[in-house]
C-alpha atoms as a PDB file:
ATOM      1  CA  MET A   1     158.943 157.344 124.512  1.00  0.00           C
ATOM      2  CA  ASP A   2     159.193 159.844 127.088  1.00  0.00           C
ATOM      3  CA  SER A   3     162.105 158.171 128.798  1.00  0.00           C
ATOM      4  CA  LEU A   4     163.899 158.076 125.406  1.00  0.00           C
ATOM      5  CA  TRP A   5     163.598 161.915 124.778  1.00  0.00           C
ATOM      6  CA  ASP A   6     164.791 162.288 128.584  1.00  0.00           C
ATOM      7  CA  LEU A   7     167.811 160.261 127.771  1.00  0.00           C
ATOM      8  CA  LEU A   8     168.546 162.155 124.613  1.00  0.00           C
ATOM      9  CA  ARG A   9     168.125 165.346 126.551  1.00  0.00           C
ATOM     10  CA  GLN A  10     170.531 164.044 129.168  1.00  0.00           C
ATOM     11  CA  PHE A  11     173.133 163.191 126.336  1.00  0.00           C
ATOM     12  CA  HIS A  12     173.038 167.070 125.618  1.00  0.00           C
ATOM     13  CA  ASP A  13     173.427 168.211 129.239  1.00  0.00           C
ATOM     14  CA  ALA A  14     176.316 165.593 129.788  1.00  0.00           C
ATOM     15  CA  TYR A  15     178.099 165.400 126.612  1.00  0.00           C
ATOM     16  CA  GLY A  16     177.000 168.369 124.317  1.00  0.00           C
ATOM     17  CA  ILE A  17     175.622 166.165 121.807  1.00  0.00           C
ATOM     18  CA  ASN A  18     172.500 168.154 120.783  1.00  0.00           C
ATOM     19  CA  LEU A  19     169.849 166.061 119.420  1.00  0.00           C
ATOM     20  CA  VAL A  20     166.965 168.409 119.873  1.00  0.00           C
ATOM     21  CA  GLN A  21     165.365 167.412 116.640  1.00  0.00           C
ATOM     22  CA  PHE A  22     164.270 164.412 118.732  1.00  0.00           C
ATOM     23  CA  TYR A  23     163.764 165.338 122.227  1.00  0.00           C
ATOM     24  CA  ASP A  24     162.051 168.706 121.852  1.00  0.00           C
ATOM     25  CA  ALA A  25     158.478 168.122 120.594  1.00  0.00           C
ATOM     26  CA  PHE A  26     158.375 171.179 118.450  1.00  0.00           C
ATOM     27  CA  GLU A  27     161.664 170.548 116.513  1.00  0.00           C
ATOM     28  CA  ARG A  28     160.595 166.852 116.258  1.00  0.00           C
ATOM     29  CA  GLY A  29     157.427 167.765 114.614  1.00  0.00           C
ATOM     30  CA  ARG A  30     158.945 170.194 112.325  1.00  0.00           C
ATOM     31  CA  PHE A  31     161.424 167.830 111.115  1.00  0.00           C
ATOM     32  CA  LEU A  32     158.868 164.974 110.799  1.00  0.00           C
ATOM     33  CA  ARG A  33     156.810 167.457 108.532  1.00  0.00           C
ATOM     34  CA  GLY A  34     160.183 168.092 106.428  1.00  0.00           C
ATOM     35  CA  MET A  35     160.708 164.371 105.874  1.00  0.00           C
ATOM     36  CA  ARG A  36     156.999 163.806 105.060  1.00  0.00           C
ATOM     37  CA  ILE A  37     157.189 166.669 102.333  1.00  0.00           C
ATOM     38  CA  THR A  38     160.494 165.118 101.054  1.00  0.00           C
ATOM     39  CA  VAL A  39     158.744 161.895 100.673  1.00  0.00           C
ATOM     40  CA  GLU A  40     155.561 163.340  98.961  1.00  0.00           C
ATOM     41  CA  LEU A  41     157.713 165.424  96.523  1.00  0.00           C
ATOM     42  CA  ALA A  42     160.036 162.392  95.636  1.00  0.00           C
ATOM     43  CA  VAL A  43     156.849 160.080  95.032  1.00  0.00           C
ATOM     44  CA  ILE A  44     154.933 162.734  92.947  1.00  0.00           C
ATOM     45  CA  CYS A  45     158.268 163.654  90.938  1.00  0.00           C
ATOM     46  CA  ILE A  46     158.797 159.779  90.372  1.00  0.00           C
ATOM     47  CA  ALA A  47     155.424 159.368  89.060  1.00  0.00           C
ATOM     48  CA  VAL A  48     155.041 162.299  86.864  1.00  0.00           C
ATOM     49  CA  SER A  49     158.598 161.741  85.388  1.00  0.00           C
ATOM     50  CA  ILE A  50     157.924 158.041  84.388  1.00  0.00           C
ATOM     51  CA  ALA A  51     154.638 159.305  82.706  1.00  0.00           C
ATOM     52  CA  ILE A  52     156.566 161.808  80.833  1.00  0.00           C
ATOM     53  CA  GLY A  53     159.177 159.255  79.879  1.00  0.00           C
ATOM     54  CA  ILE A  54     156.638 156.707  78.605  1.00  0.00           C
ATOM     55  CA  ALA A  55     154.613 159.422  76.734  1.00  0.00           C
ATOM     56  CA  GLY A  56     157.955 160.763  75.364  1.00  0.00           C
ATOM     57  CA  ALA A  57     159.286 157.636  74.112  1.00  0.00           C
ATOM     58  CA  TRP A  58     156.029 156.805  72.497  1.00  0.00           C
ATOM     59  CA  LEU A  59     156.045 160.249  70.595  1.00  0.00           C
ATOM     60  CA  GLN A  60     159.448 159.767  69.467  1.00  0.00           C
ATOM     61  CA  SER A  61     158.221 157.106  67.145  1.00  0.00           C
ATOM     62  CA  SER A  62     155.538 159.161  65.919  1.00  0.00           C
ATOM     63  CA  ARG A  63     154.906 159.456  62.246  1.00  0.00           C
ATOM     64  CA  VAL A  64     154.430 163.219  62.602  1.00  0.00           C
ATOM     65  CA  PRO A  65     157.866 165.104  62.548  1.00  0.00           C
ATOM     66  CA  LEU A  66     156.803 167.965  64.339  1.00  0.00           C
ATOM     67  CA  LEU A  67     156.128 165.776  67.448  1.00  0.00           C
ATOM     68  CA  ARG A  68     159.466 164.101  67.017  1.00  0.00           C
ATOM     69  CA  ALA A  69     161.074 167.562  66.798  1.00  0.00           C
ATOM     70  CA  PHE A  70     159.230 168.652  69.992  1.00  0.00           C
ATOM     71  CA  VAL A  71     160.235 165.669  71.995  1.00  0.00           C
ATOM     72  CA  GLN A  72     163.982 165.849  70.979  1.00  0.00           C
ATOM     73  CA  GLY A  73     163.967 169.744  71.651  1.00  0.00           C
ATOM     74  CA  TYR A  74     162.471 169.012  75.136  1.00  0.00           C
ATOM     75  CA  VAL A  75     164.952 166.347  75.836  1.00  0.00           C
ATOM     76  CA  GLN A  76     167.987 168.429  74.775  1.00  0.00           C
ATOM     77  CA  PHE A  77     166.724 171.373  76.736  1.00  0.00           C
ATOM     78  CA  PHE A  78     166.437 169.697  80.104  1.00  0.00           C
ATOM     79  CA  ARG A  79     169.435 167.526  79.518  1.00  0.00           C
ATOM     80  CA  ASN A  80     171.659 170.302  78.846  1.00  0.00           C
ATOM     81  CA  THR A  81     170.891 172.838  81.558  1.00  0.00           C
ATOM     82  CA  PRO A  82     171.462 172.460  85.352  1.00  0.00           C
ATOM     83  CA  PRO A  83     168.354 171.244  87.257  1.00  0.00           C
ATOM     84  CA  LEU A  84     168.844 174.255  89.917  1.00  0.00           C
ATOM     85  CA  VAL A  85     168.814 176.822  87.030  1.00  0.00           C
ATOM     86  CA  GLN A  86     165.654 175.321  85.428  1.00  0.00           C
ATOM     87  CA  MET A  87     163.981 175.455  88.960  1.00  0.00           C
ATOM     88  CA  TYR A  88     165.039 179.200  89.413  1.00  0.00           C
ATOM     89  CA  PHE A  89     163.678 179.633  85.835  1.00  0.00           C
ATOM     90  CA  PHE A  90     160.231 178.319  86.647  1.00  0.00           C
ATOM     91  CA  TYR A  91     159.926 179.855  90.002  1.00  0.00           C
ATOM     92  CA  PHE A  92     161.256 183.321  89.412  1.00  0.00           C
ATOM     93  CA  ALA A  93     160.761 183.932  85.590  1.00  0.00           C
ATOM     94  CA  ILE A  94     157.725 181.866  84.633  1.00  0.00           C
ATOM     95  CA  GLY A  95     155.936 182.093  88.003  1.00  0.00           C
ATOM     96  CA  PRO A  96     155.381 185.972  88.060  1.00  0.00           C
ATOM     97  CA  LEU A  97     153.800 185.577  84.721  1.00  0.00           C
ATOM     98  CA  MET A  98     151.124 183.258  85.840  1.00  0.00           C
ATOM     99  CA  PRO A  99     147.807 184.603  86.618  1.00  0.00           C
ATOM    100  CA  ARG A 100     147.046 185.332  90.603  1.00  0.00           C
ATOM    101  CA  VAL A 101     144.333 183.781  92.587  1.00  0.00           C
ATOM    102  CA  VAL A 102     142.434 185.422  95.488  1.00  0.00           C
ATOM    103  CA  ASN A 103     142.251 183.251  98.565  1.00  0.00           C
ATOM    104  CA  GLU A 104     139.321 183.056 101.270  1.00  0.00           C
ATOM    105  CA  TYR A 105     140.973 186.334 102.881  1.00  0.00           C
ATOM    106  CA  GLY A 106     140.949 188.357  99.842  1.00  0.00           C
ATOM    107  CA  ILE A 107     144.667 188.215  99.388  1.00  0.00           C
ATOM    108  CA  ALA A 108     146.133 187.479  95.866  1.00  0.00           C
ATOM    109  CA  GLN A 109     148.494 184.799  95.745  1.00  0.00           C
ATOM    110  CA  PRO A 110     150.475 182.844  93.083  1.00  0.00           C
ATOM    111  CA  LEU A 111     148.627 180.273  91.201  1.00  0.00           C
ATOM    112  CA  PHE A 112     151.387 177.752  91.950  1.00  0.00           C
ATOM    113  CA  GLY A 113     153.332 177.563  95.168  1.00  0.00           C
ATOM    114  CA  SER A 114     157.040 176.490  95.684  1.00  0.00           C
ATOM    115  CA  PHE A 115     156.130 172.918  96.057  1.00  0.00           C
ATOM    116  CA  ALA A 116     154.116 172.849  92.793  1.00  0.00           C
ATOM    117  CA  TRP A 117     157.225 174.425  90.852  1.00  0.00           C
ATOM    118  CA  ALA A 118     159.496 172.001  92.423  1.00  0.00           C
ATOM    119  CA  VAL A 119     157.357 169.077  91.257  1.00  0.00           C
ATOM    120  CA  ILE A 120     157.175 170.624  87.728  1.00  0.00           C
ATOM    121  CA  SER A 121     160.815 171.332  87.450  1.00  0.00           C
ATOM    122  CA  LEU A 122     162.215 168.237  89.062  1.00  0.00           C
ATOM    123  CA  ALA A 123     159.659 165.948  87.034  1.00  0.00           C
ATOM    124  CA  LEU A 124     160.336 167.589  83.781  1.00  0.00           C
ATOM    125  CA  PHE A 125     164.201 167.299  84.496  1.00  0.00           C
ATOM    126  CA  ALA A 126     163.986 163.472  85.403  1.00  0.00           C
ATOM    127  CA  GLY A 127     161.421 162.911  82.681  1.00  0.00           C
ATOM    128  CA  ALA A 128     163.852 164.044  79.927  1.00  0.00           C
ATOM    129  CA  TYR A 129     166.282 161.209  80.887  1.00  0.00           C
ATOM    130  CA  ASN A 130     163.282 158.839  81.118  1.00  0.00           C
ATOM    131  CA  VAL A 131     162.388 159.535  77.600  1.00  0.00           C
ATOM    132  CA  GLU A 132     165.936 158.215  76.523  1.00  0.00           C
ATOM    133  CA  ILE A 133     165.739 155.389  78.882  1.00  0.00           C
ATOM    134  CA  PHE A 134     162.537 154.146  77.859  1.00  0.00           C
ATOM    135  CA  ARG A 135     163.494 154.713  74.067  1.00  0.00           C
ATOM    136  CA  SER A 136     166.698 152.413  74.735  1.00  0.00           C
ATOM    137  CA  GLY A 137     164.417 149.836  75.900  1.00  0.00           C
ATOM    138  CA  ILE A 138     161.942 150.080  73.078  1.00  0.00           C
ATOM    139  CA  GLU A 139     164.712 149.783  70.660  1.00  0.00           C
ATOM    140  CA  ALA A 140     165.999 146.584  72.372  1.00  0.00           C
ATOM    141  CA  VAL A 141     162.694 144.821  71.562  1.00  0.00           C
ATOM    142  CA  GLN A 142     162.958 142.531  68.625  1.00  0.00           C
ATOM    143  CA  SER A 143     161.487 143.990  65.545  1.00  0.00           C
ATOM    144  CA  SER A 144     160.139 140.569  64.733  1.00  0.00           C
ATOM    145  CA  THR A 145     157.955 140.844  67.769  1.00  0.00           C
ATOM    146  CA  VAL A 146     156.481 143.926  66.652  1.00  0.00           C
ATOM    147  CA  GLU A 147     156.003 142.672  63.038  1.00  0.00           C
ATOM    148  CA  ALA A 148     154.238 139.533  64.553  1.00  0.00           C
ATOM    149  CA  ALA A 149     151.596 141.748  66.429  1.00  0.00           C
ATOM    150  CA  GLU A 150     151.100 143.991  63.469  1.00  0.00           C
ATOM    151  CA  SER A 151     150.368 140.826  61.333  1.00  0.00           C
ATOM    152  CA  LEU A 152     147.564 139.968  63.940  1.00  0.00           C
ATOM    153  CA  GLY A 153     145.950 143.416  62.936  1.00  0.00           C
ATOM    154  CA  LEU A 154     146.704 145.083  66.148  1.00  0.00           C
ATOM    155  CA  ASP A 155     146.997 148.697  66.068  1.00  0.00           C
ATOM    156  CA  ARG A 156     150.240 150.780  67.179  1.00  0.00           C
ATOM    157  CA  TRP A 157     148.875 152.058  70.386  1.00  0.00           C
ATOM    158  CA  TYR A 158     147.696 148.583  71.394  1.00  0.00           C
ATOM    159  CA  ILE A 159     150.928 147.136  70.596  1.00  0.00           C
ATOM    160  CA  TYR A 160     152.789 149.790  72.404  1.00  0.00           C
ATOM    161  CA  ARG A 161     150.848 149.324  75.577  1.00  0.00           C
ATOM    162  CA  HIS A 162     150.396 145.614  75.718  1.00  0.00           C
ATOM    163  CA  ILE A 163     153.648 144.276  73.984  1.00  0.00           C
ATOM    164  CA  VAL A 164     156.433 146.659  73.381  1.00  0.00           C
ATOM    165  CA  LEU A 165     156.151 148.789  76.565  1.00  0.00           C
ATOM    166  CA  PRO A 166     156.088 145.642  79.109  1.00  0.00           C
ATOM    167  CA  LEU A 167     159.100 144.133  77.300  1.00  0.00           C
ATOM    168  CA  ALA A 168     160.904 147.525  77.206  1.00  0.00           C
ATOM    169  CA  VAL A 169     160.391 148.144  80.906  1.00  0.00           C
ATOM    170  CA  ARG A 170     162.365 144.834  81.671  1.00  0.00           C
ATOM    171  CA  VAL A 171     165.319 146.032  79.750  1.00  0.00           C
ATOM    172  CA  CYS A 172     165.496 149.535  81.044  1.00  0.00           C
ATOM    173  CA  LEU A 173     164.725 148.975  84.588  1.00  0.00           C
ATOM    174  CA  PRO A 174     168.445 149.158  85.859  1.00  0.00           C
ATOM    175  CA  ALA A 175     168.918 152.608  84.071  1.00  0.00           C
ATOM    176  CA  LEU A 176     165.572 153.984  85.129  1.00  0.00           C
ATOM    177  CA  ASN A 177     166.393 152.820  88.809  1.00  0.00           C
ATOM    178  CA  ASN A 178     169.486 154.708  88.541  1.00  0.00           C
ATOM    179  CA  ASN A 179     167.809 158.013  87.325  1.00  0.00           C
ATOM    180  CA  LEU A 180     165.092 157.737  89.883  1.00  0.00           C
ATOM    181  CA  VAL A 181     167.648 157.524  92.597  1.00  0.00           C
ATOM    182  CA  ASN A 182     169.232 160.499  91.265  1.00  0.00           C
ATOM    183  CA  LEU A 183     165.742 162.338  91.237  1.00  0.00           C
ATOM    184  CA  ILE A 184     165.180 161.618  94.883  1.00  0.00           C
ATOM    185  CA  LYS A 185     168.545 163.157  95.685  1.00  0.00           C
ATOM    186  CA  THR A 186     168.083 166.139  93.349  1.00  0.00           C
ATOM    187  CA  SER A 187     164.836 166.818  95.259  1.00  0.00           C
ATOM    188  CA  THR A 188     167.096 168.667  97.961  1.00  0.00           C
ATOM    189  CA  GLN A 189     167.193 171.375  95.424  1.00  0.00           C
ATOM    190  CA  ALA A 190     163.688 172.311  96.239  1.00  0.00           C
ATOM    191  CA  TYR A 191     165.469 173.887  99.170  1.00  0.00           C
ATOM    192  CA  ALA A 192     166.284 176.822  96.979  1.00  0.00           C
ATOM    193  CA  ILE A 193     162.754 178.105  96.463  1.00  0.00           C
ATOM    194  CA  ALA A 194     161.766 177.589 100.193  1.00  0.00           C
ATOM    195  CA  VAL A 195     160.159 174.193  99.948  1.00  0.00           C
ATOM    196  CA  PRO A 196     159.983 173.181 103.656  1.00  0.00           C
ATOM    197  CA  GLU A 197     161.344 169.484 102.854  1.00  0.00           C
ATOM    198  CA  ALA A 198     163.966 168.004 105.080  1.00  0.00           C
ATOM    199  CA  LEU A 199     167.139 169.832 104.092  1.00  0.00           C
ATOM    200  CA  PHE A 200     165.256 173.269 104.459  1.00  0.00           C
ATOM    201  CA  VAL A 201     163.798 172.306 107.884  1.00  0.00           C
ATOM    202  CA  SER A 202     167.182 170.966 109.140  1.00  0.00           C
ATOM    203  CA  SER A 203     168.861 174.373 108.150  1.00  0.00           C
ATOM    204  CA  GLN A 204     166.195 176.137 110.193  1.00  0.00           C
ATOM    205  CA  ILE A 205     166.759 173.833 113.196  1.00  0.00           C
ATOM    206  CA  TRP A 206     170.593 173.994 113.093  1.00  0.00           C
ATOM    207  CA  SER A 207     170.362 177.803 112.860  1.00  0.00           C
ATOM    208  CA  ASP A 208     168.128 178.008 115.726  1.00  0.00           C
ATOM    209  CA  ARG A 209     169.722 175.272 118.069  1.00  0.00           C
ATOM    210  CA  ILE A 210     173.421 175.474 116.830  1.00  0.00           C
ATOM    211  CA  ASN A 211     173.596 171.912 116.172  1.00  0.00           C
ATOM    212  CA  VAL A 212     174.874 171.583 112.573  1.00  0.00           C
ATOM    213  CA  LEU A 213     176.823 168.295 112.938  1.00  0.00           C
ATOM    214  CA  GLU A 214     173.900 166.473 114.600  1.00  0.00           C
ATOM    215  CA  MET A 215     171.488 167.738 112.082  1.00  0.00           C
ATOM    216  CA  MET A 216     173.655 166.677 109.119  1.00  0.00           C
ATOM    217  CA  VAL A 217     174.208 163.206 110.491  1.00  0.00           C
ATOM    218  CA  THR A 218     170.509 162.820 111.008  1.00  0.00           C
ATOM    219  CA  LEU A 219     169.971 164.141 107.518  1.00  0.00           C
ATOM    220  CA  PHE A 220     172.572 161.565 105.997  1.00  0.00           C
ATOM    221  CA  ILE A 221     170.833 158.778 107.792  1.00  0.00           C
ATOM    222  CA  PHE A 222     167.346 159.762 106.565  1.00  0.00           C
ATOM    223  CA  TYR A 223     168.439 160.116 103.090  1.00  0.00           C
ATOM    224  CA  MET A 224     170.418 156.679 103.064  1.00  0.00           C
ATOM    225  CA  PHE A 225     167.264 155.091 104.527  1.00  0.00           C
ATOM    226  CA  LEU A 226     164.702 156.614 102.081  1.00  0.00           C
ATOM    227  CA  VAL A 227     167.012 155.791  99.143  1.00  0.00           C
ATOM    228  CA  GLY A 228     167.850 152.462 100.560  1.00  0.00           C
ATOM    229  CA  VAL A 229     164.111 151.483 100.788  1.00  0.00           C
ATOM    230  CA  PHE A 230     163.364 152.838  97.236  1.00  0.00           C
ATOM    231  CA  VAL A 231     166.319 150.629  95.805  1.00  0.00           C
ATOM    232  CA  TRP A 232     165.188 147.602  97.674  1.00  0.00           C
ATOM    233  CA  ILE A 233     161.560 148.054  96.271  1.00  0.00           C
ATOM    234  CA  MET A 234     162.987 148.568  92.630  1.00  0.00           C
ATOM    235  CA  THR A 235     165.300 145.424  92.978  1.00  0.00           C
ATOM    236  CA  ARG A 236     162.318 143.367  94.191  1.00  0.00           C
ATOM    237  CA  PHE A 237     160.409 144.774  91.214  1.00  0.00           C
ATOM    238  CA  GLU A 238     163.031 144.002  88.778  1.00  0.00           C
ATOM    239  CA  ARG A 239     163.279 140.562  89.856  1.00  0.00           C
ATOM    240  CA  TRP A 240     159.333 140.064  89.920  1.00  0.00           C
ATOM    241  CA  LEU A 241     159.328 141.203  86.035  1.00  0.00           C
ATOM    242  CA  ALA A 242     162.277 139.190  85.241  1.00  0.00           C
ATOM    243  CA  ILE A 243     161.884 136.925  82.188  1.00  0.00           C
ATOM    244  CA  PRO A 244     164.602 134.088  81.936  1.00  0.00           C
ATOM    245  CA  GLY A 245     166.695 134.818  78.916  1.00  0.00           C
ATOM    246  CA  PHE A 246     165.169 138.353  78.225  1.00  0.00           C
ATOM    247  CA  GLY A 247     167.035 141.475  79.190  1.00  0.00           C
ATOM    248  CA  ARG A 248     169.828 139.845  80.900  1.00  0.00           C
END
């Protein structure tokens, strides 16, 4: 690998192509940490938003009007306001109201850091869309299927988990895939509250090393690869779950 780093350094010396994020050990480590945090942020937000979508879709069919109204209000709030404004609201408005904790050095610090607030904000934003996506899938399941399960004496929660939800997922996977791809791309907004993800670290590198073009190209390639891998996984998952004649 040392020979590769030397070659990239020579590109800079000979042609002015500054790929310092690769051949410099410090900048390479900083960029790799940023990519790792981006992946962690995306994975956690995807998992939490899917859980919110499943729970919200279930509560929308609740017999308690207050629960249905709460879910509908949540969906409307997060769908009708910009995600960056939501992130600022959580970090700058709600964050200071939270209790502070004292670390091992006796210094008071916020209960939640910028990464945690980014997860909360992005997961709630994507979760609002996932609620409607899962609801559409649930409504696509034939009522006769649910009635047949009820006639066997199964309770509503069991029917939802083992019959309705597995069928609904097969219907809503394309829309869910699209929303989760948007979530991965929207994770770059964590830059605004100083989460050291790929975009934030890239801006630091190009500010220090004056290689905006090279860093932007690298960033584009990274996100194309990240989203491409995710889409490939979701496509394989969709084919694996496919039932001939259902949901197509």
